[in-house]
Amino acid sequence: MTTNHIAQAADWRTHLIDDDAGIRRLLENTRRIAVLGIKTEDDAFEPAHYVPAYAQKAGYDIVPVPVYYPDAVTILGQAVFRAVADVPGPIDMVNVFRRGPKIDDHVDDVLAAKPASVWFQLGIRNDGAAEKFARAGIDVVQDRCLLVELKRIGR
């Protein structure tokens, strides 16, 4: 492998965001967030509902993509989509509320949507999925709470 090939192989790691400046930049460039695994208003006390509700109040456009709730047609006043790839228009971020191993079930769907970033909530890691996203040029944040980070940057 040439030096150039080694450098290219390592470039994907630049899409793994884990520093405060990178997170701030990502959040400042995000407008539309698809929330994979969002919960309904019946579960308002769950992070998978109150975190996207906070982001919506902070000015972000929230697109619900629940995994459960087959009868839900709206969440947070927005139309529900059954797959991330079904969401029309560009997606800046996919905010993931799925246990780490379950993310594998959604990798192809998320890749098909071509979001700018994927955010795994606090306590959620999947290094294999993160690498696939990063190699596709998608920024990835793992194991961080979106609500906490939004408050930290003053949103």
N, C-alpha and C. Protein backbone atom coordinates (compact mmCIF):
# COMPACT_ATOMS: atom_id res chain seq x y z
N MET A 1 0.85 -1.17 0.00
CA MET A 1 0.00 0.00 0.00
C MET A 1 0.90 1.23 0.00
N THR A 2 0.62 2.17 -0.89
CA THR A 2 1.42 3.38 -0.96
C THR A 2 1.06 4.31 0.19
N THR A 3 1.91 5.31 0.40
CA THR A 3 1.67 6.29 1.45
C THR A 3 0.35 7.00 1.22
N ASN A 4 0.05 7.32 -0.04
CA ASN A 4 -1.21 7.99 -0.36
C ASN A 4 -2.41 7.12 0.00
N HIS A 5 -2.34 5.81 -0.29
CA HIS A 5 -3.42 4.91 0.05
C HIS A 5 -3.60 4.79 1.56
N ILE A 6 -2.51 4.80 2.29
CA ILE A 6 -2.59 4.74 3.76
C ILE A 6 -3.26 6.01 4.29
N ALA A 7 -2.88 7.16 3.73
CA ALA A 7 -3.49 8.42 4.16
C ALA A 7 -4.98 8.43 3.84
N GLN A 8 -5.35 7.95 2.65
CA GLN A 8 -6.77 7.92 2.29
C GLN A 8 -7.54 6.98 3.20
N ALA A 9 -6.94 5.85 3.55
CA ALA A 9 -7.61 4.88 4.42
C ALA A 9 -7.86 5.48 5.80
N ALA A 10 -6.95 6.34 6.26
CA ALA A 10 -7.10 6.95 7.58
C ALA A 10 -8.04 8.15 7.56
N ASP A 11 -8.29 8.74 6.39
CA ASP A 11 -9.12 9.94 6.30
C ASP A 11 -10.51 9.77 6.87
N TRP A 12 -11.08 8.58 6.79
CA TRP A 12 -12.43 8.36 7.29
C TRP A 12 -12.53 8.69 8.78
N ARG A 13 -11.43 8.54 9.49
CA ARG A 13 -11.45 8.81 10.94
C ARG A 13 -11.73 10.28 11.26
N THR A 14 -11.52 11.17 10.30
CA THR A 14 -11.80 12.59 10.54
C THR A 14 -13.31 12.82 10.68
N HIS A 15 -14.11 11.85 10.26
CA HIS A 15 -15.57 11.96 10.39
C HIS A 15 -16.07 11.48 11.75
N LEU A 16 -15.18 10.98 12.59
CA LEU A 16 -15.56 10.57 13.95
C LEU A 16 -15.36 11.79 14.85
N ILE A 17 -16.46 12.40 15.24
CA ILE A 17 -16.42 13.67 15.97
C ILE A 17 -16.55 13.40 17.47
N ASP A 18 -15.52 13.81 18.22
CA ASP A 18 -15.59 13.58 19.67
C ASP A 18 -15.01 14.75 20.47
N ASP A 19 -14.81 15.87 19.82
CA ASP A 19 -14.29 17.04 20.53
C ASP A 19 -15.34 18.15 20.55
N ASP A 20 -15.23 19.03 21.53
CA ASP A 20 -16.23 20.09 21.71
C ASP A 20 -16.36 20.98 20.48
N ALA A 21 -15.24 21.34 19.87
CA ALA A 21 -15.28 22.22 18.69
C ALA A 21 -15.98 21.53 17.53
N GLY A 22 -15.70 20.25 17.33
CA GLY A 22 -16.35 19.50 16.25
C GLY A 22 -17.85 19.37 16.47
N ILE A 23 -18.24 19.14 17.72
CA ILE A 23 -19.67 19.02 18.04
C ILE A 23 -20.37 20.36 17.84
N ARG A 24 -19.75 21.43 18.27
CA ARG A 24 -20.33 22.76 18.09
C ARG A 24 -20.52 23.04 16.59
N ARG A 25 -19.49 22.77 15.79
CA ARG A 25 -19.57 23.00 14.34
C ARG A 25 -20.70 22.17 13.73
N LEU A 26 -20.78 20.91 14.12
CA LEU A 26 -21.82 20.03 13.59
C LEU A 26 -23.21 20.57 13.94
N LEU A 27 -23.42 20.95 15.18
CA LEU A 27 -24.73 21.44 15.62
C LEU A 27 -25.08 22.78 14.98
N GLU A 28 -24.10 23.62 14.76
CA GLU A 28 -24.36 24.92 14.12
C GLU A 28 -24.71 24.76 12.65
N ASN A 29 -24.27 23.66 12.03
CA ASN A 29 -24.56 23.41 10.61
C ASN A 29 -25.76 22.49 10.40
N THR A 30 -26.42 22.12 11.48
CA THR A 30 -27.58 21.23 11.41
C THR A 30 -28.87 22.03 11.50
N ARG A 31 -29.81 21.69 10.65
CA ARG A 31 -31.14 22.32 10.69
C ARG A 31 -32.25 21.26 10.78
N ARG A 32 -32.06 20.16 10.07
CA ARG A 32 -33.12 19.14 9.96
C ARG A 32 -32.62 17.82 10.52
N ILE A 33 -33.33 17.31 11.52
CA ILE A 33 -32.91 16.10 12.23
C ILE A 33 -33.98 15.03 12.10
N ALA A 34 -33.62 13.89 11.50
CA ALA A 34 -34.49 12.72 11.50
C ALA A 34 -34.17 11.94 12.77
N VAL A 35 -35.19 11.63 13.56
CA VAL A 35 -34.98 10.96 14.85
C VAL A 35 -35.42 9.50 14.72
N LEU A 36 -34.43 8.62 14.60
CA LEU A 36 -34.66 7.18 14.47
C LEU A 36 -34.88 6.59 15.86
N GLY A 37 -36.07 6.02 16.07
CA GLY A 37 -36.39 5.44 17.37
C GLY A 37 -37.10 6.42 18.28
N ILE A 38 -37.63 7.51 17.72
CA ILE A 38 -38.37 8.50 18.52
C ILE A 38 -39.59 7.83 19.16
N LYS A 39 -39.94 8.31 20.33
CA LYS A 39 -41.13 7.82 21.02
C LYS A 39 -42.24 8.86 20.96
N THR A 40 -43.46 8.40 21.17
CA THR A 40 -44.63 9.28 21.06
C THR A 40 -44.83 10.10 22.33
N GLU A 41 -45.79 10.99 22.26
CA GLU A 41 -46.14 11.83 23.41
C GLU A 41 -46.58 11.00 24.61
N ASP A 42 -47.07 9.78 24.38
CA ASP A 42 -47.44 8.90 25.50
C ASP A 42 -46.23 8.54 26.35
N ASP A 43 -45.06 8.64 25.77
CA ASP A 43 -43.80 8.34 26.47
C ASP A 43 -42.96 9.61 26.62
N ALA A 44 -43.62 10.72 26.92
CA ALA A 44 -42.95 12.03 26.99
C ALA A 44 -41.83 12.07 28.02
N PHE A 45 -41.85 11.19 29.00
CA PHE A 45 -40.81 11.15 30.04
C PHE A 45 -39.56 10.40 29.58
N GLU A 46 -39.60 9.81 28.41
CA GLU A 46 -38.46 9.04 27.88
C GLU A 46 -37.54 9.96 27.07
N PRO A 47 -36.21 9.77 27.18
CA PRO A 47 -35.28 10.59 26.39
C PRO A 47 -35.59 10.58 24.89
N ALA A 48 -36.08 9.46 24.37
CA ALA A 48 -36.38 9.36 22.94
C ALA A 48 -37.57 10.24 22.55
N HIS A 49 -38.20 10.87 23.51
CA HIS A 49 -39.22 11.88 23.20
C HIS A 49 -38.77 13.27 23.63
N TYR A 50 -38.30 13.41 24.88
CA TYR A 50 -38.03 14.76 25.34
C TYR A 50 -36.76 15.38 24.76
N VAL A 51 -35.81 14.57 24.31
CA VAL A 51 -34.63 15.14 23.66
C VAL A 51 -35.00 15.76 22.30
N PRO A 52 -35.71 15.03 21.41
CA PRO A 52 -36.10 15.69 20.15
C PRO A 52 -37.09 16.84 20.38
N ALA A 53 -37.93 16.74 21.42
CA ALA A 53 -38.85 17.85 21.72
C ALA A 53 -38.04 19.10 22.08
N TYR A 54 -36.98 18.92 22.86
CA TYR A 54 -36.11 20.05 23.21
C TYR A 54 -35.45 20.62 21.96
N ALA A 55 -34.94 19.75 21.09
CA ALA A 55 -34.28 20.20 19.86
C ALA A 55 -35.27 20.98 18.99
N GLN A 56 -36.52 20.51 18.95
CA GLN A 56 -37.54 21.21 18.16
C GLN A 56 -37.77 22.61 18.73
N LYS A 57 -37.86 22.72 20.05
CA LYS A 57 -38.05 24.03 20.69
C LYS A 57 -36.84 24.93 20.48
N ALA A 58 -35.67 24.32 20.29
CA ALA A 58 -34.44 25.07 20.05
C ALA A 58 -34.32 25.51 18.58
N GLY A 59 -35.32 25.16 17.76
CA GLY A 59 -35.34 25.65 16.39
C GLY A 59 -35.01 24.64 15.31
N TYR A 60 -34.77 23.40 15.68
CA TYR A 60 -34.47 22.37 14.68
C TYR A 60 -35.76 21.78 14.11
N ASP A 61 -35.72 21.42 12.83
CA ASP A 61 -36.83 20.74 12.17
C ASP A 61 -36.69 19.25 12.49
N ILE A 62 -37.65 18.69 13.21
CA ILE A 62 -37.60 17.29 13.63
C ILE A 62 -38.46 16.44 12.71
N VAL A 63 -37.89 15.35 12.22
CA VAL A 63 -38.60 14.39 11.37
C VAL A 63 -38.66 13.07 12.12
N PRO A 64 -39.84 12.65 12.58
CA PRO A 64 -39.95 11.41 13.36
C PRO A 64 -39.84 10.15 12.49
N VAL A 65 -38.98 9.24 12.94
CA VAL A 65 -38.84 7.92 12.30
C VAL A 65 -38.91 6.88 13.42
N PRO A 66 -40.13 6.59 13.91
CA PRO A 66 -40.24 5.64 15.01
C PRO A 66 -39.96 4.21 14.55
N VAL A 67 -39.47 3.41 15.48
CA VAL A 67 -39.25 1.99 15.19
C VAL A 67 -40.49 1.20 15.60
N TYR A 68 -41.12 1.64 16.67
CA TYR A 68 -42.35 1.03 17.16
C TYR A 68 -43.50 1.98 16.80
N TYR A 69 -44.63 1.84 17.40
CA TYR A 69 -45.78 2.73 17.18
C TYR A 69 -46.26 2.68 15.72
N PRO A 70 -46.66 1.51 15.24
CA PRO A 70 -47.10 1.41 13.83
C PRO A 70 -48.33 2.25 13.50
N ASP A 71 -49.10 2.64 14.52
CA ASP A 71 -50.30 3.43 14.27
C ASP A 71 -50.05 4.94 14.33
N ALA A 72 -48.88 5.35 14.78
CA ALA A 72 -48.60 6.78 14.90
C ALA A 72 -48.45 7.40 13.51
N VAL A 73 -49.14 8.51 13.30
CA VAL A 73 -49.01 9.23 12.03
C VAL A 73 -48.33 10.58 12.21
N THR A 74 -48.37 11.10 13.44
CA THR A 74 -47.62 12.31 13.77
C THR A 74 -46.99 12.16 15.14
N ILE A 75 -45.84 12.75 15.31
CA ILE A 75 -45.16 12.87 16.60
C ILE A 75 -44.57 14.27 16.62
N LEU A 76 -44.73 14.96 17.71
CA LEU A 76 -44.30 16.36 17.85
C LEU A 76 -44.90 17.23 16.74
N GLY A 77 -46.10 16.86 16.30
CA GLY A 77 -46.79 17.64 15.29
C GLY A 77 -46.26 17.45 13.88
N GLN A 78 -45.38 16.49 13.70
CA GLN A 78 -44.75 16.26 12.40
C GLN A 78 -45.14 14.88 11.86
N ALA A 79 -45.25 14.78 10.54
CA ALA A 79 -45.57 13.51 9.90
C ALA A 79 -44.49 12.48 10.17
N VAL A 80 -44.93 11.25 10.43
CA VAL A 80 -44.04 10.13 10.73
C VAL A 80 -43.62 9.44 9.43
N PHE A 81 -42.36 9.02 9.37
CA PHE A 81 -41.85 8.20 8.27
C PHE A 81 -41.39 6.88 8.85
N ARG A 82 -41.52 5.82 8.08
CA ARG A 82 -41.18 4.48 8.57
C ARG A 82 -39.73 4.09 8.33
N ALA A 83 -39.03 4.84 7.47
CA ALA A 83 -37.61 4.59 7.21
C ALA A 83 -36.95 5.94 6.98
N VAL A 84 -35.70 6.04 7.35
CA VAL A 84 -34.96 7.29 7.16
C VAL A 84 -34.88 7.61 5.67
N ALA A 85 -34.66 6.59 4.85
CA ALA A 85 -34.54 6.81 3.40
C ALA A 85 -35.85 7.29 2.77
N ASP A 86 -36.98 7.13 3.47
CA ASP A 86 -38.27 7.59 2.95
C ASP A 86 -38.50 9.09 3.19
N VAL A 87 -37.67 9.71 3.99
CA VAL A 87 -37.84 11.13 4.31
C VAL A 87 -37.46 11.94 3.07
N PRO A 88 -38.40 12.75 2.57
CA PRO A 88 -38.07 13.56 1.39
C PRO A 88 -37.13 14.72 1.75
N GLY A 89 -36.28 15.06 0.82
CA GLY A 89 -35.37 16.18 1.03
C GLY A 89 -34.15 15.82 1.84
N PRO A 90 -33.25 16.78 1.98
CA PRO A 90 -31.99 16.52 2.69
C PRO A 90 -32.19 16.37 4.20
N ILE A 91 -31.34 15.56 4.78
CA ILE A 91 -31.32 15.34 6.24
C ILE A 91 -29.94 15.75 6.72
N ASP A 92 -29.90 16.67 7.66
CA ASP A 92 -28.61 17.09 8.21
C ASP A 92 -28.07 16.09 9.22
N MET A 93 -28.99 15.53 10.02
CA MET A 93 -28.56 14.60 11.07
C MET A 93 -29.60 13.51 11.26
N VAL A 94 -29.11 12.31 11.54
CA VAL A 94 -29.97 11.24 12.03
C VAL A 94 -29.59 11.06 13.50
N ASN A 95 -30.52 11.37 14.39
CA ASN A 95 -30.33 11.22 15.82
C ASN A 95 -30.88 9.83 16.18
N VAL A 96 -30.01 8.96 16.71
CA VAL A 96 -30.35 7.55 16.89
C VAL A 96 -30.65 7.21 18.34
N PHE A 97 -31.86 6.68 18.55
CA PHE A 97 -32.29 6.15 19.84
C PHE A 97 -32.54 4.65 19.67
N ARG A 98 -31.48 3.90 19.45
CA ARG A 98 -31.53 2.44 19.33
C ARG A 98 -30.34 1.89 20.09
N ARG A 99 -30.52 0.74 20.71
CA ARG A 99 -29.39 0.10 21.40
C ARG A 99 -28.29 -0.18 20.37
N GLY A 100 -27.05 -0.12 20.83
CA GLY A 100 -25.90 -0.27 19.94
C GLY A 100 -26.00 -1.38 18.92
N PRO A 101 -26.23 -2.64 19.34
CA PRO A 101 -26.30 -3.73 18.37
C PRO A 101 -27.46 -3.59 17.37
N LYS A 102 -28.54 -2.94 17.77
CA LYS A 102 -29.70 -2.77 16.89
C LYS A 102 -29.44 -1.78 15.76
N ILE A 103 -28.42 -0.94 15.91
CA ILE A 103 -28.11 0.03 14.86
C ILE A 103 -27.77 -0.69 13.56
N ASP A 104 -27.18 -1.88 13.66
CA ASP A 104 -26.83 -2.63 12.46
C ASP A 104 -28.04 -2.85 11.55
N ASP A 105 -29.22 -2.97 12.14
CA ASP A 105 -30.45 -3.17 11.36
C ASP A 105 -30.81 -1.94 10.51
N HIS A 106 -30.22 -0.80 10.81
CA HIS A 106 -30.59 0.45 10.17
C HIS A 106 -29.48 1.06 9.30
N VAL A 107 -28.32 0.43 9.25
CA VAL A 107 -27.17 1.01 8.54
C VAL A 107 -27.50 1.29 7.08
N ASP A 108 -28.04 0.31 6.35
CA ASP A 108 -28.32 0.51 4.93
C ASP A 108 -29.35 1.61 4.71
N ASP A 109 -30.37 1.66 5.56
CA ASP A 109 -31.40 2.70 5.48
C ASP A 109 -30.78 4.08 5.66
N VAL A 110 -29.94 4.23 6.69
CA VAL A 110 -29.31 5.53 6.95
C VAL A 110 -28.36 5.90 5.82
N LEU A 111 -27.56 4.94 5.35
CA LEU A 111 -26.65 5.22 4.24
C LEU A 111 -27.42 5.68 3.00
N ALA A 112 -28.57 5.07 2.74
CA ALA A 112 -29.38 5.44 1.57
C ALA A 112 -29.89 6.88 1.68
N ALA A 113 -30.11 7.35 2.89
CA ALA A 113 -30.61 8.71 3.11
C ALA A 113 -29.51 9.77 2.94
N LYS A 114 -28.26 9.37 3.07
CA LYS A 114 -27.11 10.26 2.91
C LYS A 114 -27.16 11.50 3.80
N PRO A 115 -27.35 11.31 5.11
CA PRO A 115 -27.34 12.48 6.00
C PRO A 115 -25.93 13.04 6.13
N ALA A 116 -25.82 14.28 6.58
CA ALA A 116 -24.51 14.87 6.83
C ALA A 116 -23.87 14.27 8.08
N SER A 117 -24.72 13.89 9.05
CA SER A 117 -24.18 13.33 10.29
C SER A 117 -25.15 12.32 10.89
N VAL A 118 -24.59 11.49 11.77
CA VAL A 118 -25.35 10.53 12.56
C VAL A 118 -24.91 10.71 14.01
N TRP A 119 -25.89 10.79 14.91
CA TRP A 119 -25.62 11.04 16.33
C TRP A 119 -26.20 9.91 17.15
N PHE A 120 -25.33 9.13 17.82
CA PHE A 120 -25.78 8.07 18.72
C PHE A 120 -25.89 8.68 20.11
N GLN A 121 -27.06 8.59 20.70
CA GLN A 121 -27.33 9.20 21.99
C GLN A 121 -26.43 8.63 23.10
N LEU A 122 -26.46 9.29 24.24
CA LEU A 122 -25.67 8.91 25.41
C LEU A 122 -25.89 7.44 25.74
N GLY A 123 -24.82 6.70 25.91
CA GLY A 123 -24.89 5.28 26.24
C GLY A 123 -24.96 4.38 25.02
N ILE A 124 -24.97 4.97 23.83
CA ILE A 124 -25.09 4.18 22.60
C ILE A 124 -23.80 4.26 21.81
N ARG A 125 -23.24 3.07 21.55
CA ARG A 125 -22.03 2.96 20.72
C ARG A 125 -22.19 1.78 19.78
N ASN A 126 -21.66 1.94 18.59
CA ASN A 126 -21.54 0.83 17.64
C ASN A 126 -20.41 1.23 16.72
N ASP A 127 -19.20 0.80 17.07
CA ASP A 127 -18.01 1.21 16.32
C ASP A 127 -18.04 0.74 14.88
N GLY A 128 -18.60 -0.44 14.62
CA GLY A 128 -18.68 -0.95 13.25
C GLY A 128 -19.58 -0.08 12.39
N ALA A 129 -20.75 0.26 12.90
CA ALA A 129 -21.67 1.13 12.16
C ALA A 129 -21.06 2.52 12.00
N ALA A 130 -20.43 3.02 13.06
CA ALA A 130 -19.80 4.34 12.99
C ALA A 130 -18.74 4.37 11.89
N GLU A 131 -17.97 3.31 11.78
CA GLU A 131 -16.95 3.26 10.73
C GLU A 131 -17.59 3.25 9.34
N LYS A 132 -18.66 2.49 9.17
CA LYS A 132 -19.34 2.46 7.87
C LYS A 132 -19.84 3.84 7.49
N PHE A 133 -20.44 4.54 8.44
CA PHE A 133 -20.94 5.88 8.17
C PHE A 133 -19.78 6.82 7.85
N ALA A 134 -18.73 6.77 8.66
CA ALA A 134 -17.58 7.65 8.46
C ALA A 134 -16.91 7.39 7.11
N ARG A 135 -16.80 6.12 6.73
CA ARG A 135 -16.20 5.80 5.42
C ARG A 135 -17.07 6.31 4.27
N ALA A 136 -18.36 6.53 4.52
CA ALA A 136 -19.26 7.08 3.51
C ALA A 136 -19.24 8.61 3.53
N GLY A 137 -18.40 9.19 4.38
CA GLY A 137 -18.29 10.65 4.45
C GLY A 137 -19.28 11.30 5.39
N ILE A 138 -19.90 10.51 6.25
CA ILE A 138 -20.89 11.01 7.20
C ILE A 138 -20.22 11.23 8.55
N ASP A 139 -20.39 12.41 9.13
CA ASP A 139 -19.85 12.67 10.47
C ASP A 139 -20.62 11.85 11.49
N VAL A 140 -19.91 11.35 12.50
CA VAL A 140 -20.52 10.48 13.51
C VAL A 140 -20.13 10.96 14.91
N VAL A 141 -21.15 11.07 15.77
CA VAL A 141 -20.95 11.32 17.19
C VAL A 141 -21.52 10.12 17.92
N GLN A 142 -20.76 9.57 18.87
CA GLN A 142 -21.24 8.43 19.65
C GLN A 142 -21.28 8.79 21.13
N ASP A 143 -22.24 8.19 21.83
CA ASP A 143 -22.29 8.24 23.29
C ASP A 143 -22.32 9.66 23.85
N ARG A 144 -23.15 10.52 23.24
CA ARG A 144 -23.33 11.89 23.73
C ARG A 144 -24.81 12.24 23.67
N CYS A 145 -25.26 13.00 24.65
CA CYS A 145 -26.66 13.44 24.68
C CYS A 145 -26.82 14.73 23.89
N LEU A 146 -27.67 14.69 22.89
CA LEU A 146 -27.92 15.86 22.06
C LEU A 146 -28.43 17.03 22.90
N LEU A 147 -29.34 16.77 23.83
CA LEU A 147 -29.89 17.83 24.68
C LEU A 147 -28.78 18.51 25.49
N VAL A 148 -27.93 17.73 26.10
CA VAL A 148 -26.82 18.28 26.90
C VAL A 148 -25.91 19.14 26.03
N GLU A 149 -25.60 18.65 24.84
CA GLU A 149 -24.70 19.39 23.96
C GLU A 149 -25.36 20.65 23.41
N LEU A 150 -26.66 20.60 23.14
CA LEU A 150 -27.36 21.82 22.71
C LEU A 150 -27.34 22.87 23.81
N LYS A 151 -27.58 22.46 25.03
CA LYS A 151 -27.53 23.40 26.15
C LYS A 151 -26.12 23.96 26.31
N ARG A 152 -25.12 23.11 26.13
CA ARG A 152 -23.73 23.54 26.29
C ARG A 152 -23.36 24.65 25.31
N ILE A 153 -23.91 24.58 24.08
CA ILE A 153 -23.58 25.62 23.10
C ILE A 153 -24.59 26.78 23.13
N GLY A 154 -25.52 26.73 24.08
CA GLY A 154 -26.45 27.83 24.26
C GLY A 154 -27.67 27.80 23.37
N ARG A 155 -28.12 26.62 22.99
CA ARG A 155 -29.34 26.50 22.14
C ARG A 155 -30.50 26.01 22.97
